[in-house]
Amino acid sequence: MVVGADGSQVGILETAEALQMAVDQDLDLVEIAPQADPPVCRIMDYGKFKYEQAVRQRESRKRQSLVVVKEMKMRPKIDRHDYETKTGHVVRFLHQGAKVKVTIMFRGRETVHPELGRRLLDRLAEDVQEIAKVDVPPKLDGRNMTMVLAPVKEAITGKSKPSSPRPRPQAPEAEEAEEGRVPAQASRPIRVTRAEGG
């Protein structure tokens, strides 16, 4: 069965006859369905077909967005400083456009108090609510409690401006010397000696 370049059905032809028809039109004869009875062939520009196919695949890959999930693990009895450090990591991941899976790990008798983990996850969600929303609410899974945070679009696109460097504070002598009140003295290195005890 041969299909013409314009999509019309030509009919059942011998292979040599179909090839001659394709050569006359300066096109290729491509077998589309070899399992069919009779096999289906189409007259087309095969190079152009392959090029258009590659362009379509490239476009579909561009439209696809790769979702990255980062994980941050904590314990229910986390120290304040450790919590702030891990919150900073979560904020950085969210600004990069990644989802963040926060896991609270319970050990031993801590499993009796899942409300401590729930309270910690709620606190974290509240701390990052400007840049993230809760994608999967906190749920207990064996000895772990997990929650997934997804970045808000504005948090990713809103790039923060680089802060200008702050002026370094000057020593009081240097300020007075600039104003002309006291002449600037050449600073002498202070010599520190260690007393040897005996």
N, C-alpha and C. Protein backbone atom coordinates (compact mmCIF):
# COMPACT_ATOMS: atom_id res chain seq x y z
N MET A 1 0.85 -1.18 0.00
CA MET A 1 0.00 0.00 0.00
C MET A 1 0.90 1.24 0.00
N VAL A 2 0.69 2.16 -0.89
CA VAL A 2 1.52 3.37 -1.00
C VAL A 2 0.66 4.59 -0.73
N VAL A 3 1.20 5.49 0.13
CA VAL A 3 0.54 6.76 0.42
C VAL A 3 1.38 7.85 -0.23
N GLY A 4 0.73 8.75 -0.93
CA GLY A 4 1.44 9.81 -1.66
C GLY A 4 1.98 10.89 -0.74
N ALA A 5 2.76 11.81 -1.31
CA ALA A 5 3.37 12.89 -0.53
C ALA A 5 2.33 13.83 0.05
N ASP A 6 1.18 13.95 -0.63
CA ASP A 6 0.13 14.83 -0.14
C ASP A 6 -0.82 14.14 0.84
N GLY A 7 -0.56 12.84 1.13
CA GLY A 7 -1.39 12.10 2.08
C GLY A 7 -2.48 11.28 1.41
N SER A 8 -2.60 11.36 0.09
CA SER A 8 -3.65 10.59 -0.61
C SER A 8 -3.17 9.16 -0.83
N GLN A 9 -4.10 8.21 -0.83
CA GLN A 9 -3.74 6.81 -1.03
C GLN A 9 -3.60 6.54 -2.53
N VAL A 10 -2.42 6.05 -2.89
CA VAL A 10 -2.15 5.75 -4.30
C VAL A 10 -2.67 4.35 -4.62
N GLY A 11 -2.51 3.43 -3.70
CA GLY A 11 -2.99 2.07 -3.90
C GLY A 11 -1.86 1.07 -3.70
N ILE A 12 -2.15 -0.19 -4.02
CA ILE A 12 -1.16 -1.25 -3.86
C ILE A 12 -0.31 -1.31 -5.13
N LEU A 13 1.01 -1.13 -4.96
CA LEU A 13 1.94 -1.11 -6.08
C LEU A 13 3.09 -2.08 -5.81
N GLU A 14 3.78 -2.45 -6.87
CA GLU A 14 5.01 -3.24 -6.73
C GLU A 14 6.08 -2.32 -6.13
N THR A 15 7.07 -2.89 -5.46
CA THR A 15 8.13 -2.11 -4.81
C THR A 15 8.88 -1.27 -5.83
N ALA A 16 9.24 -1.87 -6.96
CA ALA A 16 10.01 -1.15 -7.99
C ALA A 16 9.20 0.03 -8.53
N GLU A 17 7.90 -0.19 -8.70
CA GLU A 17 7.02 0.85 -9.25
C GLU A 17 6.89 2.01 -8.25
N ALA A 18 6.75 1.67 -6.95
CA ALA A 18 6.63 2.70 -5.91
C ALA A 18 7.94 3.48 -5.78
N LEU A 19 9.09 2.79 -5.88
CA LEU A 19 10.39 3.46 -5.82
C LEU A 19 10.57 4.42 -6.99
N GLN A 20 10.15 3.99 -8.18
CA GLN A 20 10.26 4.85 -9.36
C GLN A 20 9.38 6.09 -9.20
N MET A 21 8.20 5.90 -8.62
CA MET A 21 7.28 7.02 -8.39
C MET A 21 7.92 8.05 -7.43
N ALA A 22 8.61 7.57 -6.37
CA ALA A 22 9.28 8.45 -5.41
C ALA A 22 10.45 9.17 -6.06
N VAL A 23 11.23 8.46 -6.89
CA VAL A 23 12.38 9.07 -7.57
C VAL A 23 11.91 10.14 -8.53
N ASP A 24 10.79 9.91 -9.24
CA ASP A 24 10.25 10.90 -10.18
C ASP A 24 9.89 12.21 -9.46
N GLN A 25 9.42 12.10 -8.22
CA GLN A 25 9.02 13.29 -7.44
C GLN A 25 10.20 13.85 -6.64
N ASP A 26 11.39 13.21 -6.76
CA ASP A 26 12.60 13.60 -6.03
C ASP A 26 12.38 13.52 -4.52
N LEU A 27 11.71 12.42 -4.13
CA LEU A 27 11.44 12.16 -2.71
C LEU A 27 11.88 10.75 -2.36
N ASP A 28 11.63 10.32 -1.12
CA ASP A 28 12.02 8.99 -0.64
C ASP A 28 10.79 8.14 -0.41
N LEU A 29 10.98 6.81 -0.50
CA LEU A 29 9.92 5.86 -0.19
C LEU A 29 10.25 5.29 1.19
N VAL A 30 9.37 5.56 2.18
CA VAL A 30 9.63 5.16 3.57
C VAL A 30 8.57 4.17 3.99
N GLU A 31 9.01 3.05 4.57
CA GLU A 31 8.09 2.03 5.07
C GLU A 31 7.57 2.48 6.43
N ILE A 32 6.27 2.69 6.54
CA ILE A 32 5.65 3.20 7.76
C ILE A 32 5.21 2.06 8.67
N ALA A 33 4.47 1.09 8.13
CA ALA A 33 3.95 -0.03 8.92
C ALA A 33 4.34 -1.35 8.26
N PRO A 34 5.50 -1.91 8.65
CA PRO A 34 5.93 -3.16 8.00
C PRO A 34 5.09 -4.37 8.41
N GLN A 35 4.41 -4.32 9.58
CA GLN A 35 3.63 -5.47 10.04
C GLN A 35 2.27 -5.58 9.34
N ALA A 36 1.83 -4.48 8.73
CA ALA A 36 0.51 -4.50 8.09
C ALA A 36 0.54 -5.41 6.87
N ASP A 37 -0.63 -5.86 6.46
CA ASP A 37 -0.73 -6.73 5.29
C ASP A 37 -1.66 -6.07 4.28
N PRO A 38 -1.22 -5.50 3.20
CA PRO A 38 0.16 -5.34 2.73
C PRO A 38 0.88 -4.22 3.50
N PRO A 39 2.24 -4.23 3.54
CA PRO A 39 2.99 -3.18 4.25
C PRO A 39 2.67 -1.80 3.69
N VAL A 40 2.62 -0.80 4.58
CA VAL A 40 2.28 0.57 4.19
C VAL A 40 3.57 1.38 4.03
N CYS A 41 3.71 2.02 2.86
CA CYS A 41 4.86 2.88 2.57
C CYS A 41 4.34 4.27 2.21
N ARG A 42 5.19 5.27 2.49
CA ARG A 42 4.78 6.64 2.19
C ARG A 42 5.89 7.34 1.41
N ILE A 43 5.48 8.16 0.47
CA ILE A 43 6.43 8.95 -0.31
C ILE A 43 6.58 10.29 0.41
N MET A 44 7.84 10.56 0.84
CA MET A 44 8.07 11.79 1.62
C MET A 44 9.54 12.18 1.52
N ASP A 45 9.85 13.39 1.99
CA ASP A 45 11.24 13.84 2.11
C ASP A 45 11.69 13.39 3.49
N TYR A 46 12.47 12.30 3.53
CA TYR A 46 12.83 11.68 4.81
C TYR A 46 13.75 12.59 5.64
N GLY A 47 14.65 13.30 5.02
CA GLY A 47 15.54 14.22 5.74
C GLY A 47 14.75 15.31 6.45
N LYS A 48 13.76 15.87 5.75
CA LYS A 48 12.91 16.91 6.33
C LYS A 48 12.08 16.33 7.48
N PHE A 49 11.60 15.11 7.31
CA PHE A 49 10.81 14.44 8.35
C PHE A 49 11.64 14.26 9.61
N LYS A 50 12.90 13.76 9.47
CA LYS A 50 13.77 13.56 10.63
C LYS A 50 14.09 14.88 11.32
N TYR A 51 14.32 15.94 10.53
CA TYR A 51 14.62 17.25 11.10
C TYR A 51 13.44 17.77 11.92
N GLU A 52 12.22 17.70 11.36
CA GLU A 52 11.04 18.18 12.08
C GLU A 52 10.80 17.37 13.35
N GLN A 53 11.08 16.07 13.29
CA GLN A 53 10.92 15.22 14.46
C GLN A 53 11.89 15.64 15.58
N ALA A 54 13.14 15.94 15.20
CA ALA A 54 14.15 16.37 16.18
C ALA A 54 13.76 17.72 16.80
N VAL A 55 13.22 18.62 15.97
CA VAL A 55 12.79 19.93 16.48
C VAL A 55 11.65 19.77 17.48
N ARG A 56 10.69 18.89 17.16
CA ARG A 56 9.57 18.65 18.08
C ARG A 56 10.06 18.08 19.41
N GLN A 57 11.01 17.15 19.37
CA GLN A 57 11.54 16.56 20.60
C GLN A 57 12.27 17.61 21.43
N ARG A 58 13.03 18.47 20.75
CA ARG A 58 13.75 19.52 21.46
C ARG A 58 12.78 20.47 22.15
N GLU A 59 11.70 20.84 21.45
CA GLU A 59 10.69 21.74 22.03
C GLU A 59 10.02 21.10 23.23
N SER A 60 9.71 19.81 23.13
CA SER A 60 9.04 19.14 24.26
C SER A 60 9.98 19.04 25.46
N ARG A 61 11.29 18.88 25.21
CA ARG A 61 12.24 18.84 26.33
C ARG A 61 12.35 20.20 26.99
N LYS A 62 12.25 21.28 26.20
CA LYS A 62 12.31 22.63 26.76
C LYS A 62 11.13 22.88 27.68
N ARG A 63 9.96 22.41 27.26
CA ARG A 63 8.75 22.64 28.04
C ARG A 63 8.73 21.84 29.33
N GLN A 64 9.47 20.72 29.34
CA GLN A 64 9.52 19.89 30.54
C GLN A 64 10.33 20.60 31.60
N SER A 65 9.85 20.59 32.82
CA SER A 65 10.63 21.17 33.90
C SER A 65 11.06 20.05 34.84
N LEU A 66 12.33 20.06 35.16
CA LEU A 66 12.89 19.03 36.02
C LEU A 66 12.68 19.46 37.47
N VAL A 67 11.95 18.66 38.23
CA VAL A 67 11.67 18.98 39.62
C VAL A 67 12.72 18.30 40.49
N VAL A 68 13.45 19.12 41.23
CA VAL A 68 14.48 18.59 42.12
C VAL A 68 13.92 18.60 43.53
N VAL A 69 14.09 17.49 44.25
CA VAL A 69 13.64 17.42 45.64
C VAL A 69 14.87 17.26 46.52
N LYS A 70 15.08 18.24 47.39
CA LYS A 70 16.17 18.19 48.37
C LYS A 70 15.57 17.73 49.70
N GLU A 71 16.39 17.11 50.53
CA GLU A 71 15.89 16.63 51.81
C GLU A 71 16.68 17.26 52.95
N MET A 72 15.96 17.66 53.99
CA MET A 72 16.59 18.20 55.19
C MET A 72 16.09 17.37 56.38
N LYS A 73 17.05 16.82 57.13
CA LYS A 73 16.69 15.97 58.27
C LYS A 73 16.92 16.71 59.57
N MET A 74 16.00 16.52 60.52
CA MET A 74 16.11 17.15 61.83
C MET A 74 15.70 16.14 62.90
N ARG A 75 16.01 16.48 64.13
CA ARG A 75 15.56 15.70 65.28
C ARG A 75 14.55 16.55 66.04
N PRO A 76 13.64 15.94 66.80
CA PRO A 76 12.63 16.74 67.52
C PRO A 76 13.23 17.66 68.57
N LYS A 77 14.38 17.27 69.17
CA LYS A 77 15.00 18.10 70.21
C LYS A 77 16.14 18.92 69.62
N ILE A 78 15.93 19.53 68.47
CA ILE A 78 16.98 20.29 67.79
C ILE A 78 17.25 21.59 68.54
N ASP A 79 18.52 21.99 68.60
CA ASP A 79 18.92 23.23 69.26
C ASP A 79 18.50 24.42 68.41
N ARG A 80 18.34 25.58 69.03
CA ARG A 80 17.89 26.78 68.32
C ARG A 80 18.84 27.15 67.18
N HIS A 81 20.13 27.13 67.45
CA HIS A 81 21.11 27.52 66.43
C HIS A 81 21.11 26.53 65.26
N ASP A 82 21.02 25.23 65.57
CA ASP A 82 20.97 24.22 64.52
C ASP A 82 19.71 24.39 63.67
N TYR A 83 18.60 24.71 64.34
CA TYR A 83 17.34 24.93 63.63
C TYR A 83 17.48 26.10 62.65
N GLU A 84 18.11 27.19 63.12
CA GLU A 84 18.27 28.36 62.25
C GLU A 84 19.17 28.05 61.06
N THR A 85 20.22 27.26 61.29
CA THR A 85 21.12 26.88 60.20
C THR A 85 20.38 26.05 59.16
N LYS A 86 19.62 25.06 59.64
CA LYS A 86 18.90 24.19 58.71
C LYS A 86 17.79 24.96 58.00
N THR A 87 17.17 25.91 58.67
CA THR A 87 16.16 26.75 58.03
C THR A 87 16.80 27.57 56.90
N GLY A 88 18.03 28.05 57.14
CA GLY A 88 18.75 28.79 56.10
C GLY A 88 19.01 27.92 54.88
N HIS A 89 19.36 26.65 55.11
CA HIS A 89 19.56 25.72 53.98
C HIS A 89 18.25 25.52 53.22
N VAL A 90 17.15 25.37 53.96
CA VAL A 90 15.85 25.16 53.31
C VAL A 90 15.50 26.37 52.46
N VAL A 91 15.74 27.57 52.98
CA VAL A 91 15.45 28.81 52.23
C VAL A 91 16.29 28.85 50.96
N ARG A 92 17.57 28.49 51.07
CA ARG A 92 18.45 28.49 49.89
C ARG A 92 17.95 27.51 48.82
N PHE A 93 17.54 26.31 49.25
CA PHE A 93 17.01 25.31 48.31
C PHE A 93 15.76 25.83 47.62
N LEU A 94 14.88 26.48 48.40
CA LEU A 94 13.63 27.00 47.83
C LEU A 94 13.91 28.11 46.82
N HIS A 95 14.89 28.98 47.11
CA HIS A 95 15.25 30.05 46.16
C HIS A 95 15.84 29.47 44.88
N GLN A 96 16.45 28.29 44.97
CA GLN A 96 16.99 27.64 43.78
C GLN A 96 15.90 26.97 42.96
N GLY A 97 14.67 26.93 43.48
CA GLY A 97 13.55 26.35 42.75
C GLY A 97 13.31 24.89 43.06
N ALA A 98 13.97 24.34 44.07
CA ALA A 98 13.80 22.93 44.41
C ALA A 98 12.72 22.77 45.46
N LYS A 99 12.06 21.62 45.42
CA LYS A 99 11.15 21.27 46.51
C LYS A 99 12.00 20.75 47.66
N VAL A 100 11.52 20.90 48.88
CA VAL A 100 12.29 20.45 50.04
C VAL A 100 11.44 19.49 50.86
N LYS A 101 11.99 18.29 51.07
CA LYS A 101 11.34 17.30 51.92
C LYS A 101 12.01 17.39 53.29
N VAL A 102 11.24 17.80 54.29
CA VAL A 102 11.78 17.94 55.65
C VAL A 102 11.38 16.70 56.44
N THR A 103 12.38 16.04 57.03
CA THR A 103 12.15 14.80 57.76
C THR A 103 12.55 15.00 59.22
N ILE A 104 11.63 14.67 60.12
CA ILE A 104 11.92 14.65 61.55
C ILE A 104 12.13 13.19 61.93
N MET A 105 13.32 12.89 62.47
CA MET A 105 13.64 11.50 62.82
C MET A 105 13.44 11.31 64.33
N PHE A 106 12.61 10.35 64.68
CA PHE A 106 12.36 10.02 66.09
C PHE A 106 13.20 8.81 66.47
N ARG A 107 13.73 8.83 67.70
CA ARG A 107 14.48 7.69 68.20
C ARG A 107 13.97 7.32 69.58
N GLY A 108 13.91 6.03 69.83
CA GLY A 108 13.56 5.54 71.17
C GLY A 108 12.20 6.04 71.63
N ARG A 109 12.20 6.65 72.82
CA ARG A 109 10.93 7.10 73.41
C ARG A 109 10.38 8.36 72.76
N GLU A 110 11.15 8.97 71.85
CA GLU A 110 10.64 10.16 71.15
C GLU A 110 9.44 9.81 70.28
N THR A 111 9.33 8.53 69.88
CA THR A 111 8.21 8.11 69.03
C THR A 111 6.87 8.25 69.74
N VAL A 112 6.90 8.31 71.08
CA VAL A 112 5.66 8.45 71.86
C VAL A 112 5.12 9.86 71.73
N HIS A 113 5.98 10.82 71.35
CA HIS A 113 5.55 12.22 71.28
C HIS A 113 5.67 12.77 69.86
N PRO A 114 4.83 12.31 68.93
CA PRO A 114 4.91 12.84 67.56
C PRO A 114 4.48 14.30 67.47
N GLU A 115 3.78 14.79 68.49
CA GLU A 115 3.34 16.19 68.46
C GLU A 115 4.53 17.16 68.49
N LEU A 116 5.67 16.71 69.04
CA LEU A 116 6.87 17.56 69.04
C LEU A 116 7.37 17.77 67.61
N GLY A 117 7.38 16.70 66.83
CA GLY A 117 7.79 16.81 65.43
C GLY A 117 6.81 17.63 64.63
N ARG A 118 5.53 17.44 64.90
CA ARG A 118 4.49 18.19 64.19
C ARG A 118 4.64 19.69 64.48
N ARG A 119 4.90 20.02 65.75
CA ARG A 119 5.08 21.42 66.15
C ARG A 119 6.29 22.03 65.43
N LEU A 120 7.37 21.26 65.32
CA LEU A 120 8.59 21.74 64.66
C LEU A 120 8.34 21.97 63.16
N LEU A 121 7.63 21.06 62.51
CA LEU A 121 7.33 21.22 61.09
C LEU A 121 6.40 22.40 60.84
N ASP A 122 5.41 22.58 61.72
CA ASP A 122 4.51 23.74 61.59
C ASP A 122 5.28 25.05 61.76
N ARG A 123 6.23 25.05 62.70
CA ARG A 123 7.06 26.24 62.93
C ARG A 123 7.90 26.55 61.69
N LEU A 124 8.48 25.52 61.09
CA LEU A 124 9.28 25.72 59.89
C LEU A 124 8.42 26.25 58.73
N ALA A 125 7.23 25.66 58.56
CA ALA A 125 6.33 26.11 57.49
C ALA A 125 5.94 27.57 57.69
N GLU A 126 5.76 27.97 58.95
CA GLU A 126 5.41 29.36 59.25
C GLU A 126 6.60 30.29 58.98
N ASP A 127 7.82 29.81 59.28
CA ASP A 127 9.02 30.64 59.07
C ASP A 127 9.30 30.89 57.60
N VAL A 128 8.92 29.97 56.71
CA VAL A 128 9.21 30.14 55.28
C VAL A 128 7.95 30.38 54.45
N GLN A 129 6.87 30.83 55.09
CA GLN A 129 5.60 30.97 54.37
C GLN A 129 5.64 32.02 53.27
N GLU A 130 6.58 32.99 53.33
CA GLU A 130 6.66 34.02 52.27
C GLU A 130 7.20 33.44 50.98
N ILE A 131 8.04 32.39 51.07
CA ILE A 131 8.68 31.86 49.87
C ILE A 131 8.25 30.44 49.53
N ALA A 132 7.44 29.81 50.40
CA ALA A 132 7.06 28.42 50.14
C ALA A 132 5.66 28.15 50.63
N LYS A 133 5.09 27.09 50.04
CA LYS A 133 3.79 26.60 50.50
C LYS A 133 3.95 25.12 50.81
N VAL A 134 3.11 24.62 51.70
CA VAL A 134 3.18 23.21 52.08
C VAL A 134 2.57 22.39 50.96
N ASP A 135 3.39 21.57 50.31
CA ASP A 135 2.94 20.73 49.21
C ASP A 135 2.32 19.44 49.74
N VAL A 136 3.00 18.80 50.68
CA VAL A 136 2.47 17.60 51.33
C VAL A 136 2.50 17.88 52.82
N PRO A 137 1.34 17.88 53.48
CA PRO A 137 1.30 18.20 54.92
C PRO A 137 2.05 17.16 55.74
N PRO A 138 2.43 17.50 56.99
CA PRO A 138 3.18 16.57 57.82
C PRO A 138 2.42 15.27 58.04
N LYS A 139 3.13 14.15 57.85
CA LYS A 139 2.51 12.85 58.13
C LYS A 139 3.56 11.92 58.72
N LEU A 140 3.12 11.08 59.64
CA LEU A 140 4.01 10.15 60.33
C LEU A 140 4.16 8.90 59.49
N ASP A 141 5.43 8.51 59.28
CA ASP A 141 5.72 7.34 58.46
C ASP A 141 6.74 6.50 59.24
N GLY A 142 6.24 5.58 60.05
CA GLY A 142 7.12 4.77 60.88
C GLY A 142 7.77 5.61 61.97
N ARG A 143 9.13 5.69 61.96
CA ARG A 143 9.84 6.49 62.96
C ARG A 143 10.14 7.90 62.45
N ASN A 144 9.67 8.24 61.27
CA ASN A 144 9.93 9.57 60.69
C ASN A 144 8.62 10.30 60.43
N MET A 145 8.69 11.62 60.54
CA MET A 145 7.57 12.47 60.15
C MET A 145 8.08 13.37 59.02
N THR A 146 7.36 13.38 57.90
CA THR A 146 7.82 14.13 56.73
C THR A 146 6.82 15.18 56.29
N MET A 147 7.36 16.22 55.66
CA MET A 147 6.55 17.28 55.07
C MET A 147 7.30 17.77 53.84
N VAL A 148 6.60 18.12 52.78
CA VAL A 148 7.24 18.62 51.56
C VAL A 148 6.82 20.06 51.35
N LEU A 149 7.83 20.92 51.15
CA LEU A 149 7.60 22.34 50.87
C LEU A 149 7.91 22.61 49.40
N ALA A 150 7.04 23.37 48.75
CA ALA A 150 7.25 23.74 47.34
C ALA A 150 7.45 25.24 47.27
N PRO A 151 8.38 25.71 46.43
CA PRO A 151 8.62 27.16 46.35
C PRO A 151 7.47 27.88 45.66
N VAL A 152 7.23 29.10 46.10
CA VAL A 152 6.24 29.97 45.44
C VAL A 152 6.95 30.59 44.24
N LYS A 153 6.25 30.75 43.11
CA LYS A 153 6.86 31.26 41.87
C LYS A 153 7.59 32.59 42.09
N GLU A 154 6.98 33.50 42.87
CA GLU A 154 7.57 34.82 43.07
C GLU A 154 8.92 34.71 43.79
N ALA A 155 9.07 33.70 44.64
CA ALA A 155 10.33 33.54 45.39
C ALA A 155 11.47 33.16 44.46
N ILE A 156 11.17 32.38 43.41
CA ILE A 156 12.21 31.95 42.48
C ILE A 156 12.57 33.09 41.54
N THR A 157 11.54 33.75 40.97
CA THR A 157 11.78 34.78 39.96
C THR A 157 12.29 36.06 40.58
N GLY A 158 11.87 36.40 41.80
CA GLY A 158 12.30 37.64 42.45
C GLY A 158 13.71 37.52 42.96
N LYS A 159 14.66 37.84 42.12
CA LYS A 159 16.07 37.76 42.51
C LYS A 159 16.38 38.90 43.46
N SER A 160 17.04 38.59 44.53
CA SER A 160 17.39 39.64 45.48
C SER A 160 18.58 40.42 44.94
N LYS A 161 18.55 41.74 45.12
CA LYS A 161 19.63 42.58 44.62
C LYS A 161 20.84 42.39 45.52
N PRO A 162 22.03 42.37 44.92
CA PRO A 162 23.21 42.25 45.76
C PRO A 162 23.37 43.48 46.63
N SER A 163 23.58 43.28 47.90
CA SER A 163 23.67 44.40 48.82
C SER A 163 25.02 45.09 48.64
N SER A 164 24.99 46.41 48.71
CA SER A 164 26.24 47.16 48.55
C SER A 164 27.05 46.99 49.82
N PRO A 165 28.37 46.93 49.68
CA PRO A 165 29.18 46.72 50.87
C PRO A 165 29.05 47.88 51.83
N ARG A 166 28.92 47.55 53.12
CA ARG A 166 28.77 48.60 54.13
C ARG A 166 30.12 49.27 54.35
N PRO A 167 30.11 50.58 54.61
CA PRO A 167 31.39 51.24 54.89
C PRO A 167 31.95 50.72 56.20
N ARG A 168 33.24 50.47 56.19
CA ARG A 168 33.88 49.95 57.40
C ARG A 168 34.03 51.07 58.41
N PRO A 169 33.74 50.78 59.67
CA PRO A 169 33.91 51.83 60.68
C PRO A 169 35.39 52.16 60.86
N GLN A 170 35.67 53.44 60.99
CA GLN A 170 37.05 53.87 61.16
C GLN A 170 37.36 54.03 62.64
N ALA A 171 38.63 53.96 62.94
CA ALA A 171 39.07 54.17 64.31
C ALA A 171 38.84 55.64 64.68
N PRO A 172 38.57 55.95 65.96
CA PRO A 172 38.31 57.35 66.35
C PRO A 172 39.48 58.28 66.01
N GLU A 173 40.73 57.79 66.12
CA GLU A 173 41.87 58.65 65.81
C GLU A 173 41.85 59.07 64.34
N ALA A 174 41.49 58.13 63.48
CA ALA A 174 41.47 58.43 62.05
C ALA A 174 40.39 59.45 61.73
N GLU A 175 39.22 59.34 62.40
CA GLU A 175 38.14 60.31 62.17
C GLU A 175 38.57 61.70 62.60
N GLU A 176 39.24 61.78 63.79
CA GLU A 176 39.67 63.08 64.28
C GLU A 176 40.74 63.66 63.36
N ALA A 177 41.62 62.79 62.82
CA ALA A 177 42.66 63.27 61.93
C ALA A 177 42.06 63.82 60.64
N GLU A 178 40.97 63.19 60.17
CA GLU A 178 40.31 63.68 58.95
C GLU A 178 39.71 65.05 59.18
N GLU A 179 39.16 65.25 60.38
CA GLU A 179 38.52 66.53 60.66
C GLU A 179 39.54 67.62 60.97
N GLY A 180 40.80 67.24 61.14
CA GLY A 180 41.85 68.24 61.36
C GLY A 180 42.05 68.60 62.81
N ARG A 181 41.41 67.93 63.75
CA ARG A 181 41.55 68.28 65.15
C ARG A 181 42.86 67.77 65.74
N VAL A 182 43.20 66.52 65.44
CA VAL A 182 44.39 65.93 66.00
C VAL A 182 45.24 65.43 64.85
N PRO A 183 46.52 65.72 64.84
CA PRO A 183 47.35 65.20 63.76
C PRO A 183 47.45 63.68 63.85
N ALA A 184 47.39 63.05 62.71
CA ALA A 184 47.44 61.59 62.70
C ALA A 184 48.83 61.14 63.09
N GLN A 185 48.90 60.23 64.03
CA GLN A 185 50.18 59.72 64.48
C GLN A 185 50.46 58.41 63.77
N ALA A 186 51.72 58.19 63.51
CA ALA A 186 52.10 56.91 62.91
C ALA A 186 51.87 55.83 63.95
N SER A 187 51.09 54.86 63.59
CA SER A 187 50.78 53.82 64.57
C SER A 187 51.98 52.90 64.73
N ARG A 188 52.34 52.68 65.98
CA ARG A 188 53.46 51.80 66.29
C ARG A 188 52.91 50.43 66.60
N PRO A 189 53.60 49.39 66.16
CA PRO A 189 53.13 48.07 66.52
C PRO A 189 53.28 47.84 68.01
N ILE A 190 52.30 47.23 68.59
CA ILE A 190 52.34 46.94 70.02
C ILE A 190 53.08 45.64 70.19
N ARG A 191 54.04 45.67 71.08
CA ARG A 191 54.85 44.49 71.30
C ARG A 191 54.30 43.72 72.48
N VAL A 192 54.00 42.48 72.24
CA VAL A 192 53.45 41.64 73.29
C VAL A 192 54.51 40.62 73.67
N THR A 193 54.82 40.58 74.95
CA THR A 193 55.78 39.59 75.42
C THR A 193 55.10 38.64 76.38
N ARG A 194 55.58 37.43 76.39
CA ARG A 194 54.99 36.45 77.28
C ARG A 194 55.90 36.29 78.49
N ALA A 195 55.32 36.41 79.64
CA ALA A 195 56.13 36.27 80.87
C ALA A 195 56.38 34.79 81.13
N GLU A 196 57.60 34.46 81.31
CA GLU A 196 57.96 33.09 81.63
C GLU A 196 57.91 32.96 83.14
N GLY A 197 57.05 32.10 83.61
CA GLY A 197 56.93 31.92 85.07
C GLY A 197 57.90 30.85 85.57
N GLY A 198 58.34 31.00 86.82
CA GLY A 198 59.29 30.03 87.32
C GLY A 198 59.04 29.60 88.71
